[in-house]
Protein backbone atom coordinates (compact mmCIF):
# COMPACT_ATOMS: atom_id res chain seq x y z
CA MET A 1 12.41 6.55 20.94
CA VAL A 2 11.23 4.34 18.07
CA GLU A 3 8.12 5.32 16.16
CA GLN A 4 5.44 2.72 15.58
CA HIS A 5 2.65 3.07 13.04
CA THR A 6 -0.52 0.97 13.07
CA MET A 7 -3.34 0.39 10.60
CA ARG A 8 -6.51 -1.45 11.60
CA LEU A 9 -9.03 -2.83 9.15
CA ASN A 10 -12.37 -4.31 10.18
CA TRP A 11 -14.37 -6.39 7.72
CA GLU A 12 -17.71 -8.20 8.07
CA GLY A 13 -19.28 -10.66 5.65
CA SER A 14 -19.72 -14.28 4.68
CA ALA A 15 -17.66 -17.07 6.19
CA SER A 16 -16.52 -18.25 2.75
CA MET A 17 -15.07 -14.88 1.80
CA ALA A 18 -13.60 -14.48 5.28
CA GLU A 19 -11.49 -17.58 4.72
CA GLY A 20 -9.98 -16.14 1.54
CA LEU A 21 -9.32 -12.80 3.18
CA LYS A 22 -7.66 -14.43 6.19
CA GLN A 23 -5.37 -16.41 3.87
CA VAL A 24 -4.39 -13.22 2.05
CA ALA A 25 -3.77 -11.33 5.29
CA SER A 26 -1.64 -14.15 6.68
CA ALA A 27 0.78 -13.66 3.77
CA PHE A 28 1.51 -10.18 5.13
CA THR A 29 2.91 -9.19 8.50
CA CYS A 30 -0.52 -8.82 10.07
CA THR A 31 -2.39 -9.84 13.16
CA VAL A 32 -5.72 -11.37 12.18
CA LYS A 33 -8.57 -12.00 14.61
CA GLU A 34 -11.90 -13.56 13.69
CA SER A 35 -15.17 -13.31 15.60
CA GLN A 36 -18.84 -13.89 14.97
CA ALA A 37 -20.86 -10.98 13.63
CA LYS A 38 -24.60 -10.47 13.43
CA ASP A 39 -24.83 -11.60 9.80
CA GLY A 40 -21.67 -13.70 9.42
CA VAL A 41 -18.04 -13.26 10.37
CA ARG A 42 -15.97 -10.26 11.46
CA ILE A 43 -12.26 -10.05 10.73
CA ASP A 44 -9.99 -7.53 12.44
CA ILE A 45 -6.64 -7.04 10.73
CA GLU A 46 -3.80 -5.03 12.24
CA VAL A 47 -0.61 -4.05 10.43
CA VAL A 48 2.23 -2.53 12.45
CA ASP A 49 5.54 -1.13 11.20
CA ASP A 50 8.27 1.18 12.46
CA ASP A 51 8.49 2.90 9.08
CA LEU A 52 5.47 4.81 7.77
CA GLN A 53 6.30 4.27 4.10
CA SER A 54 6.77 0.56 4.65
CA LEU A 55 3.40 0.43 6.42
CA ARG A 56 1.76 2.23 3.50
CA ASP A 57 3.33 -0.17 1.01
CA THR A 58 2.13 -3.18 2.99
CA VAL A 59 -1.38 -1.80 3.39
CA ASP A 60 -1.61 -0.94 -0.32
CA ALA A 61 -0.55 -4.47 -1.30
CA LEU A 62 -2.92 -5.99 1.26
CA LEU A 63 -5.88 -4.01 -0.06
CA VAL A 64 -5.11 -4.98 -3.66
CA ALA A 65 -4.92 -8.66 -2.68
CA MET A 66 -8.16 -8.41 -0.68
CA ASN A 67 -9.88 -6.77 -3.64
CA GLU A 68 -8.83 -9.71 -5.83
CA VAL A 69 -10.43 -12.12 -3.34
CA GLU A 70 -13.65 -10.11 -3.31
CA GLU A 71 -13.77 -9.93 -7.12
CA SER A 72 -13.15 -13.66 -7.56
CA ASP A 73 -15.84 -14.46 -4.96
CA SER A 74 -18.44 -12.34 -6.79
CA GLN A 75 -17.92 -14.11 -10.14
């Protein structure tokens, strides 16, 4: 039996920042879904990998890249 590990990240905010975050997530092996939220946009990101360490590495890199988008948007 093959193990499968999953990480889900839900984010809500402005449509302009959502676009940047979706672009970042698309560079990784992620499933990205967008929907309307009460005060903007909701993004659901799912990362799946058979290897736990590989999943952790991908998630770490994804979070760093998403942080860069958030920081550049706030300047």
